[in-house]
Protein backbone atom coordinates (compact mmCIF):
# COMPACT_ATOMS: atom_id res chain seq x y z
CA MET A 1 -54.26 -190.76 -75.73
CA LEU A 2 -55.46 -190.38 -72.28
CA VAL A 3 -53.33 -189.07 -69.56
CA ALA A 4 -53.93 -188.80 -65.94
CA HIS A 5 -52.42 -185.85 -64.28
CA TYR A 6 -52.31 -184.92 -60.41
CA ALA A 7 -53.56 -181.40 -60.41
CA GLY A 8 -53.36 -180.26 -56.78
CA ASN A 9 -55.83 -180.22 -54.16
CA ARG A 10 -56.58 -183.87 -53.93
CA THR A 11 -57.67 -184.00 -57.52
CA MET A 12 -56.40 -186.30 -60.66
CA THR A 13 -57.69 -185.32 -63.84
CA VAL A 14 -58.02 -187.29 -67.16
CA GLY A 15 -57.46 -185.48 -70.57
CA ARG A 16 -56.06 -186.25 -74.21
CA ALA A 17 -52.39 -185.65 -75.43
CA GLU A 18 -50.26 -186.67 -78.55
CA PRO A 19 -47.76 -189.30 -77.76
CA ASN A 20 -44.34 -188.31 -78.75
CA PRO A 21 -41.73 -190.73 -80.53
CA PRO A 22 -38.88 -192.00 -78.26
CA GLY A 23 -35.86 -190.36 -78.08
CA PHE A 24 -32.37 -191.44 -78.39
CA GLY A 25 -31.89 -194.10 -76.22
CA GLN A 26 -35.59 -194.65 -75.29
CA VAL A 27 -38.23 -196.98 -75.94
CA GLN A 28 -41.73 -196.35 -75.78
CA ILE A 29 -44.04 -198.56 -73.49
CA ALA A 30 -47.87 -199.19 -74.25
CA VAL A 31 -48.58 -199.12 -70.38
CA ALA A 32 -51.26 -201.84 -69.59
CA PHE A 33 -51.67 -201.65 -65.75
CA ASN A 34 -50.46 -199.22 -63.06
CA GLY A 35 -51.02 -199.67 -59.33
CA ILE A 36 -51.60 -197.07 -57.21
CA CYS A 37 -49.46 -196.83 -53.67
CA GLY A 38 -49.23 -195.24 -50.75
CA THR A 39 -46.77 -192.79 -51.90
CA ASP A 40 -49.23 -191.89 -54.49
CA LEU A 41 -52.05 -191.04 -51.90
CA HIS A 42 -48.93 -188.92 -50.22
CA ILE A 43 -49.03 -186.93 -53.44
CA LEU A 44 -52.54 -186.89 -53.67
CA SER A 45 -52.64 -185.58 -50.06
CA GLY A 46 -50.42 -182.23 -51.15
CA HIS A 47 -47.53 -183.81 -49.02
CA MET A 48 -45.33 -183.94 -51.75
CA ASP A 49 -46.14 -180.50 -53.45
CA ALA A 50 -43.03 -178.95 -52.99
CA ARG A 51 -41.31 -181.79 -54.88
CA VAL A 52 -44.36 -182.83 -57.78
CA ALA A 53 -44.39 -180.27 -60.70
CA MET A 54 -47.99 -179.92 -61.30
CA PRO A 55 -50.13 -180.86 -63.64
CA ALA A 56 -47.91 -184.33 -63.03
CA ILE A 57 -47.96 -187.24 -64.71
CA ILE A 58 -47.85 -189.73 -61.71
CA GLY A 59 -47.21 -193.45 -61.61
CA HIS A 60 -44.55 -195.99 -61.31
CA GLU A 61 -45.80 -199.57 -60.69
CA MET A 62 -46.63 -200.49 -63.95
CA SER A 63 -46.27 -203.38 -66.55
CA GLY A 64 -46.67 -203.01 -70.29
CA THR A 65 -45.23 -204.12 -73.77
CA ILE A 66 -42.65 -202.21 -76.00
CA SER A 67 -44.53 -200.38 -78.57
CA ALA A 68 -41.51 -198.46 -80.21
CA LEU A 69 -37.87 -198.20 -80.32
CA GLY A 70 -35.72 -195.06 -80.41
CA GLU A 71 -32.16 -194.71 -81.90
CA GLY A 72 -29.40 -196.35 -80.20
CA VAL A 73 -31.32 -198.90 -78.35
CA ASP A 74 -30.12 -202.57 -78.77
CA GLY A 75 -31.47 -206.00 -77.28
CA TRP A 76 -35.11 -204.86 -77.03
CA ALA A 77 -38.16 -205.44 -79.33
CA VAL A 78 -41.66 -204.33 -80.19
CA GLY A 79 -43.80 -206.36 -78.25
CA ASP A 80 -41.69 -207.40 -75.25
CA PRO A 81 -43.45 -207.39 -71.98
CA VAL A 82 -41.46 -205.26 -69.51
CA THR A 83 -41.75 -203.40 -66.45
CA VAL A 84 -39.66 -200.24 -65.33
CA MET A 85 -37.26 -199.87 -62.43
CA PRO A 86 -37.88 -196.18 -61.90
CA LEU A 87 -35.20 -195.02 -60.24
CA ALA A 88 -32.68 -192.41 -62.27
CA TRP A 89 -29.62 -191.70 -60.74
CA ASP A 90 -26.55 -189.09 -61.54
CA GLY A 91 -23.57 -191.78 -60.87
CA THR A 92 -21.57 -188.69 -59.41
CA CYS A 93 -22.88 -188.25 -56.19
CA PRO A 94 -21.35 -189.42 -52.87
CA ALA A 95 -23.78 -192.02 -52.86
CA CYS A 96 -23.21 -193.32 -56.00
CA LEU A 97 -19.64 -193.21 -56.05
CA ALA A 98 -20.08 -195.52 -52.80
CA GLY A 99 -22.33 -197.81 -54.79
CA ASN A 100 -25.42 -196.77 -53.24
CA ARG A 101 -26.68 -195.55 -56.39
CA HIS A 102 -30.38 -196.63 -55.84
CA ILE A 103 -30.47 -193.72 -53.29
CA CYS A 104 -28.51 -191.08 -54.98
CA GLN A 105 -28.45 -187.82 -53.32
CA ASN A 106 -29.86 -186.59 -56.50
CA LEU A 107 -31.99 -189.28 -57.45
CA ASP A 108 -34.72 -188.84 -60.13
CA PHE A 109 -37.53 -191.13 -59.10
CA VAL A 110 -39.67 -191.68 -62.18
CA GLY A 111 -43.09 -191.11 -62.01
CA ILE A 112 -42.75 -188.96 -59.30
CA ASP A 113 -39.61 -186.58 -59.97
CA SER A 114 -40.41 -186.75 -63.79
CA PRO A 115 -43.28 -188.25 -65.67
CA GLY A 116 -44.95 -191.93 -64.98
CA ALA A 117 -46.65 -194.57 -66.20
CA LEU A 118 -50.34 -193.06 -65.90
CA GLN A 119 -50.44 -192.63 -69.91
CA GLY A 120 -51.14 -194.53 -72.99
CA ARG A 121 -47.42 -194.42 -74.44
CA TRP A 122 -44.96 -193.54 -72.06
CA ASN A 123 -41.01 -192.75 -73.43
CA VAL A 124 -38.71 -194.06 -70.62
CA ASP A 125 -34.57 -194.56 -71.29
CA ALA A 126 -34.00 -198.18 -72.03
CA GLY A 127 -31.44 -198.68 -69.01
CA LEU A 128 -34.67 -198.46 -66.79
CA LEU A 129 -36.50 -201.71 -68.36
CA VAL A 130 -36.84 -205.21 -66.24
CA ALA A 131 -37.80 -208.11 -68.70
CA LEU A 132 -40.76 -209.85 -67.92
CA PRO A 133 -41.19 -213.66 -68.69
CA PRO A 134 -44.20 -214.41 -70.87
CA SER A 135 -45.84 -216.35 -68.54
CA LEU A 136 -46.23 -213.74 -65.95
CA SER A 137 -49.45 -211.80 -66.73
CA LEU A 138 -49.39 -208.07 -67.19
CA ARG A 139 -51.87 -207.75 -64.60
CA HIS A 140 -49.62 -209.76 -61.87
CA ALA A 141 -46.54 -207.96 -63.24
CA ALA A 142 -48.00 -204.51 -62.22
CA LEU A 143 -46.97 -205.93 -58.51
CA VAL A 144 -43.31 -206.16 -59.32
CA GLU A 145 -42.09 -202.73 -57.97
CA PRO A 146 -44.02 -203.13 -54.52
CA THR A 147 -42.75 -206.56 -54.28
CA ALA A 148 -39.38 -205.32 -54.88
CA VAL A 149 -39.59 -203.01 -52.11
CA ALA A 150 -40.70 -206.12 -49.86
CA VAL A 151 -37.70 -207.99 -51.03
CA HIS A 152 -35.41 -204.87 -50.42
CA ASP A 153 -37.04 -204.60 -46.94
CA VAL A 154 -36.45 -208.30 -45.98
CA HIS A 155 -32.88 -208.21 -47.40
CA ARG A 156 -32.03 -204.96 -45.47
CA SER A 157 -33.15 -206.99 -42.35
CA GLU A 158 -31.10 -209.86 -42.88
CA LEU A 159 -33.77 -211.97 -41.75
CA GLU A 160 -32.59 -215.91 -41.60
CA PRO A 161 -34.68 -218.91 -42.09
CA GLY A 162 -36.39 -220.03 -38.80
CA GLN A 163 -36.33 -216.43 -37.03
CA LYS A 164 -39.23 -214.73 -36.20
CA ALA A 165 -40.64 -211.73 -37.76
CA VAL A 166 -43.28 -209.17 -36.68
CA VAL A 167 -44.82 -206.94 -39.35
CA ILE A 168 -46.64 -203.87 -38.00
CA GLY A 169 -49.12 -203.15 -40.89
CA GLY A 170 -51.32 -205.28 -42.93
CA GLY A 171 -51.51 -203.04 -46.16
CA PRO A 172 -50.14 -204.12 -49.42
CA ILE A 173 -46.71 -203.57 -48.49
CA GLY A 174 -47.26 -205.31 -45.17
CA LEU A 175 -48.73 -208.13 -46.66
CA LEU A 176 -46.02 -208.43 -49.55
CA ILE A 177 -43.19 -208.08 -46.69
CA ALA A 178 -45.27 -211.08 -44.95
CA ALA A 179 -44.61 -213.21 -47.92
CA VAL A 180 -41.61 -212.47 -48.81
CA SER A 181 -40.41 -213.04 -45.59
CA ARG A 182 -42.02 -216.57 -45.54
CA SER A 183 -40.26 -217.17 -48.76
CA CYS A 184 -37.28 -217.11 -47.30
CA GLY A 185 -38.07 -219.46 -44.25
CA GLY A 186 -39.36 -216.67 -41.68
CA ASP A 187 -41.99 -217.27 -39.12
CA VAL A 188 -44.26 -214.11 -39.56
CA VAL A 189 -47.08 -212.49 -37.74
CA VAL A 190 -48.52 -209.27 -38.64
CA ILE A 191 -50.59 -206.62 -36.62
CA GLU A 192 -53.41 -204.88 -38.34
CA LEU A 193 -56.04 -202.53 -37.07
CA ASP A 194 -58.70 -203.18 -40.15
CA PRO A 195 -60.74 -206.29 -39.36
CA GLY A 196 -61.11 -206.50 -43.42
CA ARG A 197 -57.71 -206.59 -44.14
CA ARG A 198 -56.92 -209.02 -41.12
CA GLN A 199 -59.45 -211.32 -42.81
CA ARG A 200 -58.12 -211.51 -45.78
CA ILE A 201 -54.71 -211.76 -44.31
CA ALA A 202 -55.73 -214.83 -42.19
CA ASP A 203 -57.33 -216.21 -45.17
CA LEU A 204 -53.78 -216.63 -46.73
CA GLY A 205 -52.49 -218.60 -43.64
CA TYR A 206 -50.82 -215.76 -41.60
CA THR A 207 -51.31 -214.98 -37.75
CA VAL A 208 -52.83 -211.82 -37.51
CA LEU A 209 -53.42 -209.71 -34.18
CA ASP A 210 -55.23 -206.98 -33.47
CA PRO A 211 -53.25 -204.07 -32.01
CA ARG A 212 -56.09 -203.32 -29.46
CA ASP A 213 -55.11 -206.50 -27.75
CA ASP A 214 -51.94 -207.48 -25.60
CA THR A 215 -50.07 -208.03 -28.86
CA VAL A 216 -46.71 -207.54 -26.98
CA GLY A 217 -47.86 -210.20 -24.55
CA TRP A 218 -48.44 -212.42 -27.46
CA VAL A 219 -45.20 -212.02 -29.14
CA GLU A 220 -43.31 -212.85 -25.97
CA GLU A 221 -45.27 -215.93 -25.13
CA TRP A 222 -44.69 -216.84 -29.12
CA THR A 223 -41.12 -216.14 -28.74
CA GLY A 224 -40.60 -217.99 -25.31
CA GLY A 225 -39.80 -214.56 -23.87
CA ALA A 226 -37.17 -213.32 -26.05
CA GLY A 227 -38.85 -211.28 -28.54
CA ALA A 228 -38.84 -211.17 -32.24
CA ASP A 229 -35.95 -211.11 -34.46
CA VAL A 230 -36.92 -208.93 -36.89
CA VAL A 231 -39.73 -205.81 -36.85
CA PHE A 232 -41.05 -203.93 -39.84
CA GLU A 233 -42.90 -200.88 -38.99
CA VAL A 234 -44.89 -200.55 -42.10
CA SER A 235 -47.70 -198.68 -40.95
CA GLY A 236 -47.16 -195.26 -40.71
CA ALA A 237 -48.58 -194.79 -37.47
CA ALA A 238 -46.89 -192.94 -34.71
CA ALA A 239 -48.04 -195.26 -31.84
CA ALA A 240 -46.80 -198.20 -33.84
CA VAL A 241 -43.41 -196.49 -34.31
CA LEU A 242 -43.15 -195.65 -30.48
CA GLY A 243 -44.24 -199.21 -29.59
CA ALA A 244 -42.16 -200.80 -32.44
CA VAL A 245 -39.23 -201.63 -30.59
CA ASP A 246 -41.11 -203.32 -27.53
CA TYR A 247 -41.31 -206.60 -29.82
CA ALA A 248 -37.96 -206.84 -30.48
CA LYS A 249 -35.49 -209.18 -28.82
CA VAL A 250 -32.00 -208.16 -27.69
CA ARG A 251 -29.88 -207.10 -30.49
CA GLY A 252 -33.09 -207.71 -32.58
CA THR A 253 -33.47 -205.18 -36.04
CA LEU A 254 -36.18 -202.65 -36.50
CA VAL A 255 -36.72 -201.80 -40.09
CA VAL A 256 -38.78 -198.42 -40.79
CA VAL A 257 -40.54 -198.94 -43.99
CA ALA A 258 -43.54 -196.66 -44.06
CA ILE A 259 -43.15 -193.11 -45.29
CA HIS A 260 -43.46 -190.87 -42.47
CA PRO A 261 -44.84 -187.03 -43.58
CA GLU A 262 -43.43 -186.06 -39.92
CA PRO A 263 -40.70 -186.43 -37.14
CA ARG A 264 -42.21 -189.15 -35.27
CA PRO A 265 -41.19 -190.04 -31.40
CA VAL A 266 -38.72 -193.05 -31.03
CA ASN A 267 -38.21 -194.93 -27.83
CA LEU A 268 -34.47 -194.62 -27.75
CA GLN A 269 -34.19 -196.00 -24.08
CA ARG A 270 -35.55 -199.24 -25.43
CA ILE A 271 -32.89 -199.06 -28.48
CA PHE A 272 -30.08 -198.74 -25.93
CA TRP A 273 -31.22 -200.95 -23.28
CA ARG A 274 -31.25 -204.00 -25.98
CA GLU A 275 -28.98 -203.01 -28.07
CA LEU A 276 -31.38 -202.75 -31.23
CA ARG A 277 -30.46 -202.24 -34.72
CA LEU A 278 -32.66 -199.25 -36.36
CA LEU A 279 -32.72 -199.58 -40.39
CA GLY A 280 -34.14 -197.40 -42.85
CA ALA A 281 -35.47 -199.22 -46.07
CA ARG A 282 -36.19 -197.04 -48.89
CA VAL A 283 -36.55 -198.19 -52.39
CA TYR A 284 -34.98 -201.21 -54.10
CA GLN A 285 -31.94 -202.30 -56.56
CA ARG A 286 -31.95 -203.90 -59.87
CA GLU A 287 -31.42 -207.24 -57.93
CA ASP A 288 -34.52 -206.79 -56.01
CA PHE A 289 -36.64 -206.58 -59.19
CA GLU A 290 -35.34 -209.54 -60.63
CA THR A 291 -36.18 -211.56 -57.57
CA ALA A 292 -39.63 -209.80 -57.44
CA VAL A 293 -40.30 -210.95 -60.98
CA ALA A 294 -39.26 -214.72 -60.00
CA LEU A 295 -41.78 -214.81 -56.95
CA LEU A 296 -44.25 -213.48 -58.72
CA GLU A 297 -43.61 -216.14 -61.49
CA ALA A 298 -43.68 -218.84 -59.20
CA GLY A 299 -46.69 -217.79 -57.25
CA GLU A 300 -44.96 -217.15 -53.88
CA ILE A 301 -46.83 -213.75 -53.87
CA PRO A 302 -50.79 -213.70 -53.48
CA ALA A 303 -51.33 -211.34 -56.38
CA ASP A 304 -55.35 -212.21 -56.77
CA ALA A 305 -55.60 -211.36 -53.16
CA LEU A 306 -53.49 -208.34 -52.92
CA ILE A 307 -55.51 -206.63 -55.92
CA THR A 308 -58.93 -205.66 -54.89
CA GLU A 309 -60.26 -204.27 -58.28
CA THR A 310 -59.19 -203.08 -61.91
CA VAL A 311 -60.98 -199.71 -63.16
CA PRO A 312 -59.89 -197.97 -66.37
CA LEU A 313 -57.94 -194.99 -66.67
CA ALA A 314 -61.11 -192.47 -66.85
CA GLU A 315 -62.29 -193.53 -63.26
CA ILE A 316 -58.87 -193.05 -61.80
CA GLN A 317 -60.27 -190.28 -59.45
CA SER A 318 -62.79 -192.89 -57.65
CA ALA A 319 -59.76 -195.42 -57.42
CA PHE A 320 -57.72 -192.87 -55.14
CA ASP A 321 -61.00 -191.80 -53.17
CA THR A 322 -61.68 -195.51 -52.75
CA LEU A 323 -57.85 -196.10 -51.20
CA THR A 324 -58.09 -192.79 -49.52
CA ALA A 325 -61.07 -194.14 -47.43
CA GLY A 326 -59.16 -197.42 -46.63
CA ALA A 327 -61.49 -199.69 -48.10
CA ALA A 328 -59.33 -201.44 -50.76
CA MET A 329 -56.04 -203.10 -50.59
CA LYS A 330 -54.25 -202.44 -54.05
CA ILE A 331 -56.43 -200.81 -57.20
CA LEU A 332 -54.79 -201.30 -60.70
CA ILE A 333 -55.71 -198.74 -63.45
CA ASP A 334 -56.10 -200.40 -66.69
CA VAL A 335 -54.24 -197.70 -68.50
CA GLN A 336 -55.13 -199.27 -71.99
CA SER A 337 -59.08 -199.23 -71.25
CA GLY A 338 -60.73 -196.41 -73.36
CA GLN A 339 -57.37 -195.41 -75.37
CA GLU A 340 -58.89 -196.75 -78.46
CA THR A 341 -61.32 -193.92 -78.48
CA ALA A 342 -58.94 -190.90 -77.11
């Protein structure tokens, strides 16, 4: 089978390997599609080299079908369409014992800390599987994981119908947060620097602002001088973090979604003055995955608008290069393309 590895030095390599049969309690998945996300780009840039054992098979935004069952697996059959919630926790740390297993203090994020989906056959514990409805295409189902991120972010914010939300950053997760917020009845505006992304988001019916304009004044007018109920910081830019609190109302909520490779300045004076609530939102829980599947099946998520292109696994380096250059939204890797000749 074909397998892609992160080899360090901003390099992805593609080679061949023999698939291993699934072990006890595992299933083997024929991976159909895998999305490249911001975390993968952080890995490629070397920001996570201390965590990732090279050469590493990464990838966690995926869809596929079960190709084999290991011993001790019940309730699943060969051919079932599935995705994977890529979190393995120890169940014994203080976070797990407090009911926060998804942010276990010893969390194994599958596809980062252990082998991921960028391979033709992938063995995973059956407990990580999430069933997919037959009506949902595997191409769209590769967006379940990032949609679950957005669902978790919006749930953390406690956004209510009719409330106003500002999303700073119109990349894939920003657009997904906007879509989930709108599905919950929220009134949403997106702030995005890139003109191509602004046009793509505007075409979906969202109000989009250029951060070089007076966006704070626009939000003040939009909210009648109050400020937004919720602000999502998704851009990862230092200036955006510093200015995010300026959009929030008294006792509003700021949700930090983006991964920041280094500490950022934060306007604590504004947080104090307006009694703002500052929240981190990291991964997701199983109910977030189930909600994400339902939203995609119902067409609430603009899947086709998010997917810029699909490329075969053999061309994965070019896909990473395109995303690093900022010229695309979401690129899917067709993992099965070329496998029959591998």
